[in-house]
Amino acid sequence: MAVYVREVLGIALRLLIGMVFLVAAADKLSNPELFARNIANYRILPTELVNIPALVIPWLEVLVGLMLIVGLRVRAAATVAVGLLLVFTLALISALVRGLDIHCGCFSQTAAERIGWERVVQDIALLVGAFLLALWTPHRWGVEEYLQRES
């Protein structure tokens, strides 16, 4: 019974975190210049380095989201998700502690989505979920399970 619960929880986490990453990437991909400005507003990176994460992060989010949803290399995708969520969470905390009142840049580059402690809590919850996936990767109901059967 415990294995079944773990499998179902793993699939739910895969789908939830995967969808969050895909939704987060969508607006960033369509508005890379606004996403770069949002990154610059955190005042963590030198201005000349802001474009690199603005171009790379959305594609990483798409890749991680798709891999989690289809169940391909789940442990690797979850590990990358942990790294991204850790960076996002630390950036949010840093900005909040420094008293910055800035646009989050998390899901929409144009909406009035401000940073706040509730976003930190949400990111930590996603971080814990991704960490659990990285620890005990469920292999059922995914592409990887199908590929293992074929070989």
C-alpha atoms as a PDB file:
ATOM      1  CA  MET A   1       0.000   0.000   0.000  1.00  0.00           C
ATOM      2  CA  ALA A   2       2.796   2.445   0.870  1.00  0.00           C
ATOM      3  CA  VAL A   3       4.420   1.898  -2.537  1.00  0.00           C
ATOM      4  CA  TYR A   4       1.122   2.665  -4.276  1.00  0.00           C
ATOM      5  CA  VAL A   5       0.676   5.910  -2.280  1.00  0.00           C
ATOM      6  CA  ARG A   6       4.245   6.909  -3.093  1.00  0.00           C
ATOM      7  CA  GLU A   7       3.665   6.234  -6.798  1.00  0.00           C
ATOM      8  CA  VAL A   8       0.427   8.253  -6.882  1.00  0.00           C
ATOM      9  CA  LEU A   9       2.019  11.116  -4.931  1.00  0.00           C
ATOM     10  CA  GLY A  10       5.004  11.017  -7.271  1.00  0.00           C
ATOM     11  CA  ILE A  11       2.806  11.243 -10.341  1.00  0.00           C
ATOM     12  CA  ALA A  12       0.808  14.097  -8.820  1.00  0.00           C
ATOM     13  CA  LEU A  13       4.042  15.955  -8.003  1.00  0.00           C
ATOM     14  CA  ARG A  14       5.405  15.316 -11.504  1.00  0.00           C
ATOM     15  CA  LEU A  15       2.279  16.738 -13.119  1.00  0.00           C
ATOM     16  CA  LEU A  16       1.933  19.683 -10.745  1.00  0.00           C
ATOM     17  CA  ILE A  17       5.562  20.802 -10.866  1.00  0.00           C
ATOM     18  CA  GLY A  18       5.761  20.125 -14.600  1.00  0.00           C
ATOM     19  CA  MET A  19       2.720  22.299 -15.301  1.00  0.00           C
ATOM     20  CA  VAL A  20       3.997  25.075 -13.025  1.00  0.00           C
ATOM     21  CA  PHE A  21       7.264  25.156 -14.958  1.00  0.00           C
ATOM     22  CA  LEU A  22       5.508  25.173 -18.343  1.00  0.00           C
ATOM     23  CA  VAL A  23       3.137  27.963 -17.329  1.00  0.00           C
ATOM     24  CA  ALA A  24       6.022  29.966 -15.845  1.00  0.00           C
ATOM     25  CA  ALA A  25       8.024  29.609 -19.075  1.00  0.00           C
ATOM     26  CA  ALA A  26       5.247  30.652 -21.454  1.00  0.00           C
ATOM     27  CA  ASP A  27       5.223  34.400 -20.820  1.00  0.00           C
ATOM     28  CA  LYS A  28       8.993  34.557 -20.357  1.00  0.00           C
ATOM     29  CA  LEU A  29       9.488  33.096 -23.818  1.00  0.00           C
ATOM     30  CA  SER A  30       7.111  35.591 -25.398  1.00  0.00           C
ATOM     31  CA  ASN A  31       8.541  38.581 -23.480  1.00  0.00           C
ATOM     32  CA  PRO A  32      12.289  37.973 -23.030  1.00  0.00           C
ATOM     33  CA  GLU A  33      13.125  41.670 -22.798  1.00  0.00           C
ATOM     34  CA  LEU A  34      10.613  42.209 -19.988  1.00  0.00           C
ATOM     35  CA  PHE A  35      11.900  39.096 -18.227  1.00  0.00           C
ATOM     36  CA  ALA A  36      15.449  40.489 -18.491  1.00  0.00           C
ATOM     37  CA  ARG A  37      14.251  43.742 -16.905  1.00  0.00           C
ATOM     38  CA  ASN A  38      12.561  41.807 -14.109  1.00  0.00           C
ATOM     39  CA  ILE A  39      15.797  39.909 -13.458  1.00  0.00           C
ATOM     40  CA  ALA A  40      17.737  43.201 -13.422  1.00  0.00           C
ATOM     41  CA  ASN A  41      15.315  44.620 -10.840  1.00  0.00           C
ATOM     42  CA  TYR A  42      16.482  42.011  -8.317  1.00  0.00           C
ATOM     43  CA  ARG A  43      19.924  43.725  -8.405  1.00  0.00           C
ATOM     44  CA  ILE A  44      21.805  40.455  -8.024  1.00  0.00           C
ATOM     45  CA  LEU A  45      23.572  40.192 -11.378  1.00  0.00           C
ATOM     46  CA  PRO A  46      25.624  42.836 -13.170  1.00  0.00           C
ATOM     47  CA  THR A  47      23.563  44.451 -15.933  1.00  0.00           C
ATOM     48  CA  GLU A  48      25.714  42.946 -18.681  1.00  0.00           C
ATOM     49  CA  LEU A  49      24.921  39.393 -17.464  1.00  0.00           C
ATOM     50  CA  VAL A  50      21.132  39.736 -17.178  1.00  0.00           C
ATOM     51  CA  ASN A  51      20.345  38.602 -20.735  1.00  0.00           C
ATOM     52  CA  ILE A  52      21.940  35.172 -20.278  1.00  0.00           C
ATOM     53  CA  PRO A  53      19.505  33.902 -17.620  1.00  0.00           C
ATOM     54  CA  ALA A  54      16.635  35.703 -19.361  1.00  0.00           C
ATOM     55  CA  LEU A  55      17.264  33.553 -22.425  1.00  0.00           C
ATOM     56  CA  VAL A  56      18.261  30.285 -20.697  1.00  0.00           C
ATOM     57  CA  ILE A  57      15.824  30.010 -17.761  1.00  0.00           C
ATOM     58  CA  PRO A  58      12.590  29.825 -19.803  1.00  0.00           C
ATOM     59  CA  TRP A  59      13.961  27.033 -22.017  1.00  0.00           C
ATOM     60  CA  LEU A  60      15.175  25.143 -18.947  1.00  0.00           C
ATOM     61  CA  GLU A  61      11.698  25.515 -17.465  1.00  0.00           C
ATOM     62  CA  VAL A  62      10.132  24.119 -20.656  1.00  0.00           C
ATOM     63  CA  LEU A  63      12.541  21.185 -20.737  1.00  0.00           C
ATOM     64  CA  VAL A  64      12.066  20.367 -17.038  1.00  0.00           C
ATOM     65  CA  GLY A  65       8.289  20.735 -17.282  1.00  0.00           C
ATOM     66  CA  LEU A  66       7.987  18.452 -20.298  1.00  0.00           C
ATOM     67  CA  MET A  67      10.335  15.830 -18.853  1.00  0.00           C
ATOM     68  CA  LEU A  68       8.376  15.720 -15.600  1.00  0.00           C
ATOM     69  CA  ILE A  69       4.999  15.516 -17.301  1.00  0.00           C
ATOM     70  CA  VAL A  70       5.943  12.728 -19.708  1.00  0.00           C
ATOM     71  CA  GLY A  71       8.029  10.880 -17.133  1.00  0.00           C
ATOM     72  CA  LEU A  72      11.393  10.983 -18.893  1.00  0.00           C
ATOM     73  CA  ARG A  73      14.538  11.155 -16.755  1.00  0.00           C
ATOM     74  CA  VAL A  74      12.428  12.291 -13.828  1.00  0.00           C
ATOM     75  CA  ARG A  75      15.281  12.276 -11.307  1.00  0.00           C
ATOM     76  CA  ALA A  76      17.424  14.509 -13.541  1.00  0.00           C
ATOM     77  CA  ALA A  77      14.509  16.866 -14.296  1.00  0.00           C
ATOM     78  CA  ALA A  78      13.573  17.044 -10.608  1.00  0.00           C
ATOM     79  CA  THR A  79      17.186  17.795  -9.673  1.00  0.00           C
ATOM     80  CA  VAL A  80      17.300  20.689 -12.161  1.00  0.00           C
ATOM     81  CA  ALA A  81      13.931  21.869 -10.797  1.00  0.00           C
ATOM     82  CA  VAL A  82      15.393  21.838  -7.273  1.00  0.00           C
ATOM     83  CA  GLY A  83      18.304  23.978  -8.466  1.00  0.00           C
ATOM     84  CA  LEU A  84      16.061  26.463 -10.265  1.00  0.00           C
ATOM     85  CA  LEU A  85      13.612  26.701  -7.365  1.00  0.00           C
ATOM     86  CA  LEU A  86      16.472  27.197  -4.923  1.00  0.00           C
ATOM     87  CA  VAL A  87      17.805  30.097  -7.012  1.00  0.00           C
ATOM     88  CA  PHE A  88      14.306  31.595  -7.380  1.00  0.00           C
ATOM     89  CA  THR A  89      13.610  31.298  -3.645  1.00  0.00           C
ATOM     90  CA  LEU A  90      16.935  32.814  -2.622  1.00  0.00           C
ATOM     91  CA  ALA A  91      16.477  35.682  -5.085  1.00  0.00           C
ATOM     92  CA  LEU A  92      13.008  36.401  -3.666  1.00  0.00           C
ATOM     93  CA  ILE A  93      14.254  36.300  -0.069  1.00  0.00           C
ATOM     94  CA  SER A  94      17.211  38.530  -0.942  1.00  0.00           C
ATOM     95  CA  ALA A  95      14.955  41.117  -2.579  1.00  0.00           C
ATOM     96  CA  LEU A  96      12.451  41.062   0.287  1.00  0.00           C
ATOM     97  CA  VAL A  97      15.140  41.393   2.960  1.00  0.00           C
ATOM     98  CA  ARG A  98      16.627  44.365   1.056  1.00  0.00           C
ATOM     99  CA  GLY A  99      13.177  45.997   0.957  1.00  0.00           C
ATOM    100  CA  LEU A 100      12.765  45.924  -2.823  1.00  0.00           C
ATOM    101  CA  ASP A 101       9.208  46.373  -4.075  1.00  0.00           C
ATOM    102  CA  ILE A 102       9.523  44.823  -7.518  1.00  0.00           C
ATOM    103  CA  HIS A 103       7.608  42.749 -10.025  1.00  0.00           C
ATOM    104  CA  CYS A 104       8.147  39.040  -9.406  1.00  0.00           C
ATOM    105  CA  GLY A 105       8.681  37.952 -13.008  1.00  0.00           C
ATOM    106  CA  CYS A 106       7.561  34.485 -11.965  1.00  0.00           C
ATOM    107  CA  PHE A 107       4.585  33.800 -14.252  1.00  0.00           C
ATOM    108  CA  SER A 108       3.597  36.993 -16.034  1.00  0.00           C
ATOM    109  CA  GLN A 109       5.940  39.708 -17.178  1.00  0.00           C
ATOM    110  CA  THR A 110       3.163  42.278 -17.550  1.00  0.00           C
ATOM    111  CA  ALA A 111       0.724  41.636 -14.670  1.00  0.00           C
ATOM    112  CA  ALA A 112       1.131  43.398 -11.341  1.00  0.00           C
ATOM    113  CA  GLU A 113       2.637  40.304  -9.718  1.00  0.00           C
ATOM    114  CA  ARG A 114       4.732  41.723  -6.859  1.00  0.00           C
ATOM    115  CA  ILE A 115       7.190  39.791  -4.742  1.00  0.00           C
ATOM    116  CA  GLY A 116       6.087  38.747  -1.270  1.00  0.00           C
ATOM    117  CA  TRP A 117       6.539  36.161   1.436  1.00  0.00           C
ATOM    118  CA  GLU A 118       3.579  34.150   0.129  1.00  0.00           C
ATOM    119  CA  ARG A 119       5.537  33.587  -3.108  1.00  0.00           C
ATOM    120  CA  VAL A 120       8.505  32.403  -1.010  1.00  0.00           C
ATOM    121  CA  VAL A 121       6.247  29.886   0.757  1.00  0.00           C
ATOM    122  CA  GLN A 122       4.890  28.679  -2.603  1.00  0.00           C
ATOM    123  CA  ASP A 123       8.407  28.276  -3.975  1.00  0.00           C
ATOM    124  CA  ILE A 124       9.505  26.368  -0.876  1.00  0.00           C
ATOM    125  CA  ALA A 125       6.524  24.013  -1.250  1.00  0.00           C
ATOM    126  CA  LEU A 126       7.465  23.371  -4.890  1.00  0.00           C
ATOM    127  CA  LEU A 127      11.106  22.955  -3.833  1.00  0.00           C
ATOM    128  CA  VAL A 128      10.150  20.281  -1.282  1.00  0.00           C
ATOM    129  CA  GLY A 129       8.041  18.496  -3.916  1.00  0.00           C
ATOM    130  CA  ALA A 130      10.870  18.557  -6.465  1.00  0.00           C
ATOM    131  CA  PHE A 131      13.325  17.357  -3.813  1.00  0.00           C
ATOM    132  CA  LEU A 132      11.036  14.419  -2.992  1.00  0.00           C
ATOM    133  CA  LEU A 133      10.844  13.535  -6.691  1.00  0.00           C
ATOM    134  CA  ALA A 134      14.627  13.642  -6.946  1.00  0.00           C
ATOM    135  CA  LEU A 135      14.914  11.306  -3.938  1.00  0.00           C
ATOM    136  CA  TRP A 136      12.319   8.672  -4.858  1.00  0.00           C
ATOM    137  CA  THR A 137      11.601   8.872  -8.519  1.00  0.00           C
ATOM    138  CA  PRO A 138       8.393   7.067  -9.492  1.00  0.00           C
ATOM    139  CA  HIS A 139       8.889   5.070 -12.681  1.00  0.00           C
ATOM    140  CA  ARG A 140       5.273   4.221 -13.338  1.00  0.00           C
ATOM    141  CA  TRP A 141       3.035   5.905 -15.871  1.00  0.00           C
ATOM    142  CA  GLY A 142       5.756   7.621 -17.818  1.00  0.00           C
ATOM    143  CA  VAL A 143       7.765   7.300 -21.012  1.00  0.00           C
ATOM    144  CA  GLU A 144      10.677   5.778 -19.133  1.00  0.00           C
ATOM    145  CA  GLU A 145       8.546   2.852 -17.929  1.00  0.00           C
ATOM    146  CA  TYR A 146       7.485   2.195 -21.529  1.00  0.00           C
ATOM    147  CA  LEU A 147      11.083   2.397 -22.804  1.00  0.00           C
ATOM    148  CA  GLN A 148      12.257  -0.083 -20.149  1.00  0.00           C
ATOM    149  CA  ARG A 149       9.579  -2.592 -21.222  1.00  0.00           C
ATOM    150  CA  GLU A 150      10.655  -2.354 -24.861  1.00  0.00           C
ATOM    151  CA  SER A 151      14.313  -3.153 -24.166  1.00  0.00           C
END
